[in-house]
Structure formats: C-alpha cells, structure tokens
Amino acid sequence: MSRKGNCLDNAPMKSFFGSLKNELVHRTRFRSRREAKAALFEYIAIFYNRQRRHSSIGYRTPEQARIDMAAAMAAS
C-alpha cells in the first residue's frame, strides 16, 4: 500500500476476497475449522492459481502467467 486512504491500493485483494467468498465460502457449510482451512487451501493453491482463468491476465491462469513471465525474463 502506498498511502493511507488510497482505495485503489487494496483493489486486487478486495477482488480476490470477493471471488473467494462468492465461489467458495457462501456456498459451503463447513463442519470444523480444519475442514474450512483445507477447503481454503484447495481453492487457492489448486483451483484459483492453477485452473481458474483470469481476465486481467489474458484469460490465463496465474501459474501460466508466471511461467510465461519467467520465460520472457530468461529470454531477454
């Protein structure tokens, strides 16, 4: 965050938490904290980063975008 009161600093995280809540939290009833933690880990590490396509990075997954960026940096 760059400075107090700049609402744009927090926009990516607000977007992420909005997706998380809409796609997982509000649709699931967890029986325990352990189950909730496991579901959150699976959503973030497996679905969100490796399968879910993001319009802001050209409809690629974050993992694909990271690999492409690393390849581009290595080539230059």
PDB file of N, CA and C in Angstrom:
ATOM      1  N   MET A   1       0.839  -1.185   0.000  1.00  0.00           N
ATOM      2  CA  MET A   1       0.000   0.000   0.000  1.00  0.00           C
ATOM      3  C   MET A   1       0.879   1.240   0.000  1.00  0.00           C
ATOM      4  N   SER A   2       0.506   2.205  -0.796  1.00  0.00           N
ATOM      5  CA  SER A   2       1.350   3.386  -0.921  1.00  0.00           C
ATOM      6  C   SER A   2       1.051   4.452   0.125  1.00  0.00           C
ATOM      7  N   ARG A   3      -0.199   4.691   0.417  1.00  0.00           N
ATOM      8  CA  ARG A   3      -0.515   5.717   1.415  1.00  0.00           C
ATOM      9  C   ARG A   3      -1.922   5.500   1.966  1.00  0.00           C
ATOM     10  N   LYS A   4      -2.163   6.076   3.098  1.00  0.00           N
ATOM     11  CA  LYS A   4      -3.450   5.960   3.768  1.00  0.00           C
ATOM     12  C   LYS A   4      -4.544   6.615   2.929  1.00  0.00           C
ATOM     13  N   GLY A   5      -5.653   5.925   2.797  1.00  0.00           N
ATOM     14  CA  GLY A   5      -6.795   6.489   2.108  1.00  0.00           C
ATOM     15  C   GLY A   5      -6.823   6.272   0.610  1.00  0.00           C
ATOM     16  N   ASN A   6      -5.836   5.587   0.049  1.00  0.00           N
ATOM     17  CA  ASN A   6      -5.844   5.329  -1.388  1.00  0.00           C
ATOM     18  C   ASN A   6      -6.585   4.021  -1.625  1.00  0.00           C
ATOM     19  N   CYS A   7      -7.834   4.123  -2.046  1.00  0.00           N
ATOM     20  CA  CYS A   7      -8.674   2.932  -2.171  1.00  0.00           C
ATOM     21  C   CYS A   7      -8.203   1.995  -3.273  1.00  0.00           C
ATOM     22  N   LEU A   8      -7.459   2.474  -4.246  1.00  0.00           N
ATOM     23  CA  LEU A   8      -7.019   1.623  -5.348  1.00  0.00           C
ATOM     24  C   LEU A   8      -5.913   0.662  -4.936  1.00  0.00           C
ATOM     25  N   ASP A   9      -5.216   0.967  -3.847  1.00  0.00           N
ATOM     26  CA  ASP A   9      -4.160   0.076  -3.378  1.00  0.00           C
ATOM     27  C   ASP A   9      -4.694  -1.306  -3.029  1.00  0.00           C
ATOM     28  N   ASN A  10      -5.877  -1.344  -2.494  1.00  0.00           N
ATOM     29  CA  ASN A  10      -6.434  -2.580  -1.972  1.00  0.00           C
ATOM     30  C   ASN A  10      -7.345  -3.291  -2.968  1.00  0.00           C
ATOM     31  N   ALA A  11      -7.509  -2.754  -4.170  1.00  0.00           N
ATOM     32  CA  ALA A  11      -8.447  -3.302  -5.139  1.00  0.00           C
ATOM     33  C   ALA A  11      -8.163  -4.755  -5.514  1.00  0.00           C
ATOM     34  N   PRO A  12      -6.920  -5.157  -5.783  1.00  0.00           N
ATOM     35  CA  PRO A  12      -6.697  -6.573  -6.134  1.00  0.00           C
ATOM     36  C   PRO A  12      -7.086  -7.537  -5.014  1.00  0.00           C
ATOM     37  N   MET A  13      -6.806  -7.179  -3.778  1.00  0.00           N
ATOM     38  CA  MET A  13      -7.160  -8.063  -2.673  1.00  0.00           C
ATOM     39  C   MET A  13      -8.662  -8.087  -2.442  1.00  0.00           C
ATOM     40  N   LYS A  14      -9.317  -6.963  -2.599  1.00  0.00           N
ATOM     41  CA  LYS A  14     -10.773  -6.942  -2.473  1.00  0.00           C
ATOM     42  C   LYS A  14     -11.401  -7.827  -3.549  1.00  0.00           C
ATOM     43  N   SER A  15     -10.864  -7.773  -4.746  1.00  0.00           N
ATOM     44  CA  SER A  15     -11.359  -8.614  -5.829  1.00  0.00           C
ATOM     45  C   SER A  15     -11.156 -10.091  -5.511  1.00  0.00           C
ATOM     46  N   PHE A  16      -9.961 -10.439  -5.015  1.00  0.00           N
ATOM     47  CA  PHE A  16      -9.682 -11.822  -4.666  1.00  0.00           C
ATOM     48  C   PHE A  16     -10.630 -12.320  -3.587  1.00  0.00           C
ATOM     49  N   PHE A  17     -10.783 -11.554  -2.500  1.00  0.00           N
ATOM     50  CA  PHE A  17     -11.649 -11.995  -1.409  1.00  0.00           C
ATOM     51  C   PHE A  17     -13.108 -12.056  -1.847  1.00  0.00           C
ATOM     52  N   GLY A  18     -13.511 -11.171  -2.764  1.00  0.00           N
ATOM     53  CA  GLY A  18     -14.869 -11.242  -3.314  1.00  0.00           C
ATOM     54  C   GLY A  18     -15.077 -12.538  -4.074  1.00  0.00           C
ATOM     55  N   SER A  19     -14.093 -12.913  -4.905  1.00  0.00           N
ATOM     56  CA  SER A  19     -14.182 -14.183  -5.636  1.00  0.00           C
ATOM     57  C   SER A  19     -14.203 -15.362  -4.672  1.00  0.00           C
ATOM     58  N   LEU A  20     -13.335 -15.327  -3.688  1.00  0.00           N
ATOM     59  CA  LEU A  20     -13.260 -16.406  -2.705  1.00  0.00           C
ATOM     60  C   LEU A  20     -14.599 -16.592  -2.001  1.00  0.00           C
ATOM     61  N   LYS A  21     -15.188 -15.516  -1.567  1.00  0.00           N
ATOM     62  CA  LYS A  21     -16.459 -15.614  -0.853  1.00  0.00           C
ATOM     63  C   LYS A  21     -17.579 -16.098  -1.767  1.00  0.00           C
ATOM     64  N   ASN A  22     -17.659 -15.549  -2.983  1.00  0.00           N
ATOM     65  CA  ASN A  22     -18.730 -15.936  -3.898  1.00  0.00           C
ATOM     66  C   ASN A  22     -18.589 -17.364  -4.403  1.00  0.00           C
ATOM     67  N   GLU A  23     -17.375 -17.806  -4.655  1.00  0.00           N
ATOM     68  CA  GLU A  23     -17.167 -19.115  -5.260  1.00  0.00           C
ATOM     69  C   GLU A  23     -17.011 -20.240  -4.246  1.00  0.00           C
ATOM     70  N   LEU A  24     -16.691 -19.927  -3.002  1.00  0.00           N
ATOM     71  CA  LEU A  24     -16.478 -20.992  -2.026  1.00  0.00           C
ATOM     72  C   LEU A  24     -17.214 -20.769  -0.718  1.00  0.00           C
ATOM     73  N   VAL A  25     -16.923 -19.704  -0.040  1.00  0.00           N
ATOM     74  CA  VAL A  25     -17.368 -19.534   1.349  1.00  0.00           C
ATOM     75  C   VAL A  25     -18.887 -19.488   1.479  1.00  0.00           C
ATOM     76  N   HIS A  26     -19.561 -18.686   0.654  1.00  0.00           N
ATOM     77  CA  HIS A  26     -21.011 -18.543   0.788  1.00  0.00           C
ATOM     78  C   HIS A  26     -21.769 -19.773   0.284  1.00  0.00           C
ATOM     79  N   ARG A  27     -21.097 -20.656  -0.448  1.00  0.00           N
ATOM     80  CA  ARG A  27     -21.759 -21.841  -0.998  1.00  0.00           C
ATOM     81  C   ARG A  27     -21.512 -23.088  -0.158  1.00  0.00           C
ATOM     82  N   THR A  28     -20.701 -22.983   0.865  1.00  0.00           N
ATOM     83  CA  THR A  28     -20.285 -24.162   1.621  1.00  0.00           C
ATOM     84  C   THR A  28     -20.577 -23.997   3.099  1.00  0.00           C
ATOM     85  N   ARG A  29     -21.008 -25.053   3.704  1.00  0.00           N
ATOM     86  CA  ARG A  29     -21.197 -25.071   5.159  1.00  0.00           C
ATOM     87  C   ARG A  29     -20.115 -25.982   5.732  1.00  0.00           C
ATOM     88  N   PHE A  30     -19.183 -25.390   6.444  1.00  0.00           N
ATOM     89  CA  PHE A  30     -18.053 -26.137   6.990  1.00  0.00           C
ATOM     90  C   PHE A  30     -18.423 -26.706   8.357  1.00  0.00           C
ATOM     91  N   ARG A  31     -17.996 -27.942   8.619  1.00  0.00           N
ATOM     92  CA  ARG A  31     -18.288 -28.586   9.894  1.00  0.00           C
ATOM     93  C   ARG A  31     -17.243 -28.277  10.956  1.00  0.00           C
ATOM     94  N   SER A  32     -16.044 -27.863  10.534  1.00  0.00           N
ATOM     95  CA  SER A  32     -14.995 -27.560  11.502  1.00  0.00           C
ATOM     96  C   SER A  32     -14.021 -26.558  10.889  1.00  0.00           C
ATOM     97  N   ARG A  33     -13.181 -25.986  11.735  1.00  0.00           N
ATOM     98  CA  ARG A  33     -12.143 -25.077  11.238  1.00  0.00           C
ATOM     99  C   ARG A  33     -11.161 -25.820  10.350  1.00  0.00           C
ATOM    100  N   ARG A  34     -10.842 -27.040  10.723  1.00  0.00           N
ATOM    101  CA  ARG A  34      -9.910 -27.850   9.933  1.00  0.00           C
ATOM    102  C   ARG A  34     -10.449 -28.063   8.515  1.00  0.00           C
ATOM    103  N   GLU A  35     -11.742 -28.363   8.405  1.00  0.00           N
ATOM    104  CA  GLU A  35     -12.357 -28.551   7.095  1.00  0.00           C
ATOM    105  C   GLU A  35     -12.332 -27.242   6.295  1.00  0.00           C
ATOM    106  N   ALA A  36     -12.593 -26.131   6.965  1.00  0.00           N
ATOM    107  CA  ALA A  36     -12.578 -24.823   6.301  1.00  0.00           C
ATOM    108  C   ALA A  36     -11.171 -24.488   5.811  1.00  0.00           C
ATOM    109  N   LYS A  37     -10.161 -24.732   6.648  1.00  0.00           N
ATOM    110  CA  LYS A  37      -8.777 -24.453   6.252  1.00  0.00           C
ATOM    111  C   LYS A  37      -8.371 -25.311   5.057  1.00  0.00           C
ATOM    112  N   ALA A  38      -8.759 -26.577   5.057  1.00  0.00           N
ATOM    113  CA  ALA A  38      -8.426 -27.469   3.950  1.00  0.00           C
ATOM    114  C   ALA A  38      -9.111 -27.014   2.665  1.00  0.00           C
ATOM    115  N   ALA A  39     -10.369 -26.598   2.766  1.00  0.00           N
ATOM    116  CA  ALA A  39     -11.101 -26.122   1.589  1.00  0.00           C
ATOM    117  C   ALA A  39     -10.491 -24.829   1.050  1.00  0.00           C
ATOM    118  N   LEU A  40     -10.099 -23.937   1.938  1.00  0.00           N
ATOM    119  CA  LEU A  40      -9.462 -22.687   1.506  1.00  0.00           C
ATOM    120  C   LEU A  40      -8.128 -22.962   0.813  1.00  0.00           C
ATOM    121  N   PHE A  41      -7.333 -23.863   1.369  1.00  0.00           N
ATOM    122  CA  PHE A  41      -6.065 -24.206   0.747  1.00  0.00           C
ATOM    123  C   PHE A  41      -6.293 -24.793  -0.638  1.00  0.00           C
ATOM    124  N   GLU A  42      -7.235 -25.711  -0.753  1.00  0.00           N
ATOM    125  CA  GLU A  42      -7.519 -26.333  -2.051  1.00  0.00           C
ATOM    126  C   GLU A  42      -8.008 -25.294  -3.054  1.00  0.00           C
ATOM    127  N   TYR A  43      -8.874 -24.382  -2.617  1.00  0.00           N
ATOM    128  CA  TYR A  43      -9.394 -23.354  -3.514  1.00  0.00           C
ATOM    129  C   TYR A  43      -8.264 -22.461  -4.027  1.00  0.00           C
ATOM    130  N   ILE A  44      -7.408 -21.994  -3.120  1.00  0.00           N
ATOM    131  CA  ILE A  44      -6.357 -21.058  -3.514  1.00  0.00           C
ATOM    132  C   ILE A  44      -5.238 -21.748  -4.279  1.00  0.00           C
ATOM    133  N   ALA A  45      -4.672 -22.793  -3.710  1.00  0.00           N
ATOM    134  CA  ALA A  45      -3.488 -23.428  -4.281  1.00  0.00           C
ATOM    135  C   ALA A  45      -3.792 -24.227  -5.545  1.00  0.00           C
ATOM    136  N   ILE A  46      -4.944 -24.838  -5.594  1.00  0.00           N
ATOM    137  CA  ILE A  46      -5.234 -25.704  -6.737  1.00  0.00           C
ATOM    138  C   ILE A  46      -6.149 -25.012  -7.737  1.00  0.00           C
ATOM    139  N   PHE A  47      -7.324 -24.590  -7.309  1.00  0.00           N
ATOM    140  CA  PHE A  47      -8.277 -24.025  -8.261  1.00  0.00           C
ATOM    141  C   PHE A  47      -7.894 -22.616  -8.716  1.00  0.00           C
ATOM    142  N   TYR A  48      -7.759 -21.684  -7.786  1.00  0.00           N
ATOM    143  CA  TYR A  48      -7.565 -20.274  -8.147  1.00  0.00           C
ATOM    144  C   TYR A  48      -6.256 -20.043  -8.908  1.00  0.00           C
ATOM    145  N   ASN A  49      -5.172 -20.673  -8.475  1.00  0.00           N
ATOM    146  CA  ASN A  49      -3.873 -20.431  -9.102  1.00  0.00           C
ATOM    147  C   ASN A  49      -3.580 -21.316 -10.299  1.00  0.00           C
ATOM    148  N   ARG A  50      -4.183 -22.500 -10.363  1.00  0.00           N
ATOM    149  CA  ARG A  50      -3.810 -23.442 -11.416  1.00  0.00           C
ATOM    150  C   ARG A  50      -4.894 -23.734 -12.437  1.00  0.00           C
ATOM    151  N   GLN A  51      -6.162 -23.428 -12.129  1.00  0.00           N
ATOM    152  CA  GLN A  51      -7.243 -23.790 -13.047  1.00  0.00           C
ATOM    153  C   GLN A  51      -8.101 -22.605 -13.464  1.00  0.00           C
ATOM    154  N   ARG A  52      -8.374 -21.698 -12.555  1.00  0.00           N
ATOM    155  CA  ARG A  52      -9.284 -20.586 -12.837  1.00  0.00           C
ATOM    156  C   ARG A  52      -8.601 -19.572 -13.746  1.00  0.00           C
ATOM    157  N   ARG A  53      -9.240 -19.265 -14.856  1.00  0.00           N
ATOM    158  CA  ARG A  53      -8.685 -18.288 -15.793  1.00  0.00           C
ATOM    159  C   ARG A  53      -9.084 -16.878 -15.344  1.00  0.00           C
ATOM    160  N   HIS A  54      -8.148 -15.934 -15.482  1.00  0.00           N
ATOM    161  CA  HIS A  54      -8.352 -14.571 -15.017  1.00  0.00           C
ATOM    162  C   HIS A  54      -8.346 -13.621 -16.214  1.00  0.00           C
ATOM    163  N   SER A  55      -9.378 -12.832 -16.340  1.00  0.00           N
ATOM    164  CA  SER A  55      -9.484 -11.920 -17.471  1.00  0.00           C
ATOM    165  C   SER A  55      -8.396 -10.851 -17.447  1.00  0.00           C
ATOM    166  N   SER A  56      -7.951 -10.468 -16.273  1.00  0.00           N
ATOM    167  CA  SER A  56      -6.962  -9.396 -16.171  1.00  0.00           C
ATOM    168  C   SER A  56      -5.576  -9.808 -16.674  1.00  0.00           C
ATOM    169  N   ILE A  57      -5.332 -11.100 -16.834  1.00  0.00           N
ATOM    170  CA  ILE A  57      -4.032 -11.562 -17.351  1.00  0.00           C
ATOM    171  C   ILE A  57      -4.222 -12.372 -18.633  1.00  0.00           C
ATOM    172  N   GLY A  58      -5.170 -11.928 -19.445  1.00  0.00           N
ATOM    173  CA  GLY A  58      -5.366 -12.525 -20.755  1.00  0.00           C
ATOM    174  C   GLY A  58      -6.010 -13.896 -20.729  1.00  0.00           C
ATOM    175  N   TYR A  59      -6.904 -14.118 -19.808  1.00  0.00           N
ATOM    176  CA  TYR A  59      -7.619 -15.395 -19.663  1.00  0.00           C
ATOM    177  C   TYR A  59      -6.666 -16.580 -19.537  1.00  0.00           C
ATOM    178  N   ARG A  60      -5.608 -16.355 -18.773  1.00  0.00           N
ATOM    179  CA  ARG A  60      -4.670 -17.419 -18.414  1.00  0.00           C
ATOM    180  C   ARG A  60      -4.785 -17.638 -16.916  1.00  0.00           C
ATOM    181  N   THR A  61      -4.223 -18.736 -16.458  1.00  0.00           N
ATOM    182  CA  THR A  61      -4.182 -18.960 -15.012  1.00  0.00           C
ATOM    183  C   THR A  61      -2.984 -18.192 -14.457  1.00  0.00           C
ATOM    184  N   PRO A  62      -2.977 -17.867 -13.171  1.00  0.00           N
ATOM    185  CA  PRO A  62      -1.807 -17.198 -12.595  1.00  0.00           C
ATOM    186  C   PRO A  62      -0.529 -18.022 -12.780  1.00  0.00           C
ATOM    187  N   GLU A  63      -0.645 -19.329 -12.699  1.00  0.00           N
ATOM    188  CA  GLU A  63       0.531 -20.174 -12.894  1.00  0.00           C
ATOM    189  C   GLU A  63       1.071 -20.043 -14.321  1.00  0.00           C
ATOM    190  N   GLN A  64       0.168 -20.025 -15.319  1.00  0.00           N
ATOM    191  CA  GLN A  64       0.601 -19.844 -16.705  1.00  0.00           C
ATOM    192  C   GLN A  64       1.249 -18.474 -16.896  1.00  0.00           C
ATOM    193  N   ALA A  65       0.671 -17.446 -16.293  1.00  0.00           N
ATOM    194  CA  ALA A  65       1.222 -16.098 -16.414  1.00  0.00           C
ATOM    195  C   ALA A  65       2.614 -16.018 -15.789  1.00  0.00           C
ATOM    196  N   ARG A  66       2.807 -16.678 -14.659  1.00  0.00           N
ATOM    197  CA  ARG A  66       4.119 -16.677 -14.002  1.00  0.00           C
ATOM    198  C   ARG A  66       5.145 -17.403 -14.857  1.00  0.00           C
ATOM    199  N   ILE A  67       4.770 -18.544 -15.417  1.00  0.00           N
ATOM    200  CA  ILE A  67       5.686 -19.290 -16.274  1.00  0.00           C
ATOM    201  C   ILE A  67       6.063 -18.476 -17.510  1.00  0.00           C
ATOM    202  N   ASP A  68       5.070 -17.836 -18.136  1.00  0.00           N
ATOM    203  CA  ASP A  68       5.331 -17.008 -19.314  1.00  0.00           C
ATOM    204  C   ASP A  68       6.258 -15.826 -18.974  1.00  0.00           C
ATOM    205  N   MET A  69       6.036 -15.213 -17.818  1.00  0.00           N
ATOM    206  CA  MET A  69       6.860 -14.085 -17.413  1.00  0.00           C
ATOM    207  C   MET A  69       8.290 -14.540 -17.144  1.00  0.00           C
ATOM    208  N   ALA A  70       8.463 -15.685 -16.493  1.00  0.00           N
ATOM    209  CA  ALA A  70       9.800 -16.202 -16.221  1.00  0.00           C
ATOM    210  C   ALA A  70      10.519 -16.547 -17.523  1.00  0.00           C
ATOM    211  N   ALA A  71       9.810 -17.107 -18.484  1.00  0.00           N
ATOM    212  CA  ALA A  71      10.410 -17.440 -19.778  1.00  0.00           C
ATOM    213  C   ALA A  71      10.818 -16.182 -20.522  1.00  0.00           C
ATOM    214  N   ALA A  72       9.983 -15.150 -20.475  1.00  0.00           N
ATOM    215  CA  ALA A  72      10.285 -13.894 -21.141  1.00  0.00           C
ATOM    216  C   ALA A  72      11.508 -13.220 -20.509  1.00  0.00           C
ATOM    217  N   MET A  73      11.611 -13.303 -19.180  1.00  0.00           N
ATOM    218  CA  MET A  73      12.762 -12.702 -18.492  1.00  0.00           C
ATOM    219  C   MET A  73      14.028 -13.481 -18.814  1.00  0.00           C
ATOM    220  N   ALA A  74      13.936 -14.776 -18.930  1.00  0.00           N
ATOM    221  CA  ALA A  74      15.108 -15.606 -19.243  1.00  0.00           C
ATOM    222  C   ALA A  74      15.585 -15.375 -20.661  1.00  0.00           C
ATOM    223  N   ALA A  75      14.646 -15.077 -21.565  1.00  0.00           N
ATOM    224  CA  ALA A  75      14.990 -14.882 -22.968  1.00  0.00           C
ATOM    225  C   ALA A  75      15.652 -13.516 -23.202  1.00  0.00           C
ATOM    226  N   SER A  76      15.418 -12.584 -22.333  1.00  0.00           N
ATOM    227  CA  SER A  76      15.992 -11.239 -22.561  1.00  0.00           C
ATOM    228  C   SER A  76      17.295 -11.017 -21.846  1.00  0.00           C
TER     229      SER A  76
END
